[in-house]
Protein backbone atom coordinates (compact mmCIF):
# COMPACT_ATOMS: atom_id res chain seq x y z
CA MET A 1 7.76 -2.56 38.77
CA GLU A 2 4.68 -4.73 38.21
CA GLU A 3 6.29 -6.13 35.05
CA LEU A 4 9.34 -7.32 37.04
CA SER A 5 7.06 -8.98 39.59
CA GLU A 6 5.20 -10.80 36.80
CA LEU A 7 8.49 -11.92 35.25
CA LYS A 8 9.71 -13.33 38.57
CA GLU A 9 6.40 -15.14 39.04
CA TRP A 10 6.61 -16.61 35.51
CA PHE A 11 10.17 -17.81 36.11
CA SER A 12 9.19 -19.30 39.46
CA THR A 13 6.32 -21.26 37.87
CA ILE A 14 8.46 -22.52 34.98
CA HIS A 15 11.28 -23.38 37.38
CA LYS A 16 9.06 -25.47 39.67
CA SER A 17 7.71 -27.33 36.64
CA ILE A 18 11.19 -28.06 35.32
CA LEU A 19 12.53 -29.28 38.68
CA SER A 20 9.53 -31.58 39.09
CA LYS A 21 10.49 -33.21 35.76
CA SER A 22 14.18 -33.49 36.75
CA PRO A 23 14.27 -35.92 39.68
CA ASP A 24 17.81 -37.32 39.41
CA HIS A 25 20.36 -35.06 41.10
CA HIS A 26 23.18 -36.88 39.31
CA SER A 27 21.88 -36.27 35.79
CA THR A 28 22.04 -33.28 33.49
CA TYR A 29 18.85 -32.14 31.79
CA LEU A 30 18.26 -29.85 28.82
CA TYR A 31 14.86 -28.26 28.26
CA GLY A 32 13.40 -26.10 25.52
CA ILE A 33 10.99 -23.38 26.62
CA ASP A 34 8.19 -22.00 24.47
CA ILE A 35 7.31 -18.72 26.21
CA GLU A 36 4.08 -18.02 24.30
CA ASN A 37 2.57 -21.39 25.28
CA ASN A 38 4.21 -21.62 28.75
CA ASP A 39 5.52 -25.00 27.68
CA THR A 40 8.68 -26.88 28.59
CA VAL A 41 10.02 -29.76 26.52
CA LEU A 42 12.63 -32.22 27.78
CA LEU A 43 15.23 -32.39 25.02
CA SER A 44 17.97 -34.44 26.63
CA SER A 45 18.84 -36.08 29.94
CA GLY A 46 21.46 -38.43 31.22
CA LYS A 47 24.50 -38.94 33.34
CA PHE A 48 26.87 -36.83 31.32
CA ASP A 49 28.82 -33.66 31.82
CA VAL A 50 27.08 -30.37 31.00
CA TYR A 51 30.11 -29.39 28.89
CA GLN A 52 29.58 -32.42 26.66
CA LEU A 53 25.97 -31.39 26.22
CA LEU A 54 26.98 -27.84 25.34
CA ASP A 55 29.26 -29.23 22.62
CA GLU A 56 26.52 -31.31 21.00
CA PRO A 57 25.36 -29.92 17.61
CA SER A 58 21.75 -30.61 18.64
CA THR A 59 22.09 -28.18 21.58
CA LYS A 60 22.92 -25.37 19.19
CA THR A 61 19.90 -26.32 17.06
CA TYR A 62 17.61 -26.33 20.12
CA TYR A 63 18.95 -22.93 21.10
CA ASP A 64 17.87 -21.64 17.68
CA ILE A 65 14.42 -23.28 17.79
CA TYR A 66 13.19 -22.39 21.30
CA ASP A 67 12.68 -19.00 22.96
CA MET A 68 14.84 -20.23 25.80
CA ILE A 69 16.75 -23.32 26.76
CA CYS A 70 17.76 -24.36 30.23
CA PHE A 71 20.24 -26.75 31.74
CA VAL A 72 19.58 -28.45 35.08
CA LEU A 73 22.48 -30.11 36.85
CA GLY A 74 23.42 -31.26 40.30
CA GLY A 75 26.58 -30.39 42.10
CA TRP A 76 28.22 -29.10 45.22
CA ALA A 77 28.56 -25.59 46.61
CA ALA A 78 30.85 -24.41 49.36
CA PRO A 79 32.20 -21.13 50.69
CA VAL A 80 35.05 -19.77 48.61
CA GLU A 81 38.26 -19.62 50.56
CA LEU A 82 40.97 -17.89 48.63
CA SER A 83 43.72 -19.37 50.80
CA GLN A 84 42.68 -22.96 50.06
CA ASP A 85 42.18 -24.83 46.83
CA ILE A 86 39.58 -27.36 47.98
CA PRO A 87 36.99 -28.76 45.57
CA PRO A 88 33.48 -27.86 46.79
CA SER A 89 32.59 -31.55 47.23
CA GLU A 90 35.43 -31.97 49.74
CA HIS A 91 34.83 -28.77 51.73
CA PRO A 92 33.54 -29.35 55.30
CA GLU A 93 30.65 -26.93 54.66
CA ALA A 94 29.68 -28.40 51.29
CA LYS A 95 26.01 -28.58 50.32
CA ARG A 96 24.29 -30.40 47.46
CA ILE A 97 22.69 -28.05 45.00
CA ARG A 98 20.65 -28.05 41.82
CA LEU A 99 21.80 -25.40 39.38
CA THR A 100 19.48 -24.34 36.60
CA ASN A 101 20.75 -21.98 33.90
CA TYR A 102 18.15 -20.33 31.69
CA MET A 103 19.37 -18.87 28.39
CA SER A 104 17.25 -16.46 26.41
CA HIS A 105 17.73 -16.59 22.66
CA GLU A 106 16.47 -13.04 22.15
CA SER A 107 18.26 -11.15 24.93
CA LYS A 108 21.29 -13.44 25.27
CA ALA A 109 20.81 -13.32 29.03
CA ILE A 110 21.79 -16.09 31.42
CA ILE A 111 19.63 -16.39 34.52
CA SER A 112 20.64 -18.91 37.15
CA ALA A 113 18.54 -20.55 39.83
CA ILE A 114 20.25 -22.31 42.72
CA ASP A 115 18.32 -24.75 44.88
CA ILE A 116 20.16 -25.90 48.00
CA ASP A 117 19.20 -29.23 49.55
CA GLY A 118 17.33 -28.64 52.78
CA GLN A 119 16.27 -25.08 51.91
CA ASP A 120 12.88 -24.15 50.50
CA GLU A 121 13.82 -20.92 48.77
CA THR A 122 15.46 -20.68 45.35
CA VAL A 123 18.37 -18.27 45.02
CA TRP A 124 18.12 -16.37 41.72
CA GLU A 125 21.17 -14.88 40.00
CA PHE A 126 20.31 -12.19 37.47
CA ASP A 127 23.81 -10.74 37.76
CA GLN A 128 25.65 -10.87 34.48
CA ASN A 129 28.96 -10.28 36.29
CA THR A 130 29.33 -13.85 37.53
CA ARG A 131 32.40 -15.69 36.30
CA GLY A 132 33.62 -19.22 35.87
CA LYS A 133 34.08 -22.13 33.48
CA LEU A 134 30.35 -22.84 33.10
CA LYS A 135 29.46 -19.18 32.46
CA ASP A 136 32.19 -19.03 29.80
CA ALA A 137 30.87 -22.22 28.14
CA LEU A 138 27.29 -20.89 28.13
CA GLU A 139 28.39 -17.59 26.63
CA ALA A 140 30.36 -19.47 23.96
CA LEU A 141 27.05 -21.02 22.84
CA TYR A 142 25.77 -17.48 22.04
CA GLU A 143 28.74 -16.82 19.85
CA GLU A 144 28.37 -20.07 17.92
CA VAL A 145 24.76 -19.54 16.89
């Protein structure tokens, strides 16, 4: 149990460091993480789609080089209403979020951190049962390397 607590603390520290280096909510960032040295390296940033970044050959190379990579992107979140097909950005209860996806090279795990504007606490998703276009694209990166 103590090991899990230490892991959560490590992720929290790394996450705060990464967000402090990622100020633009309209940009996508890619970081390499060296676990042994507790170091994060900004590898790419700009106003481009995360899917374009995932398709870049350099992203696959970074995934091979670093213990972990992570993507930071801004977006919108809203309650899912099965009866309506409304984009989150147009939903009346929409909130701006920062989504950070951490990908471990060794365990092939995807850990997501969601930071909602106006809330202090980060929501962590360790659940590997999440679905969606981004999750599929991240998993495809595993298969390509």
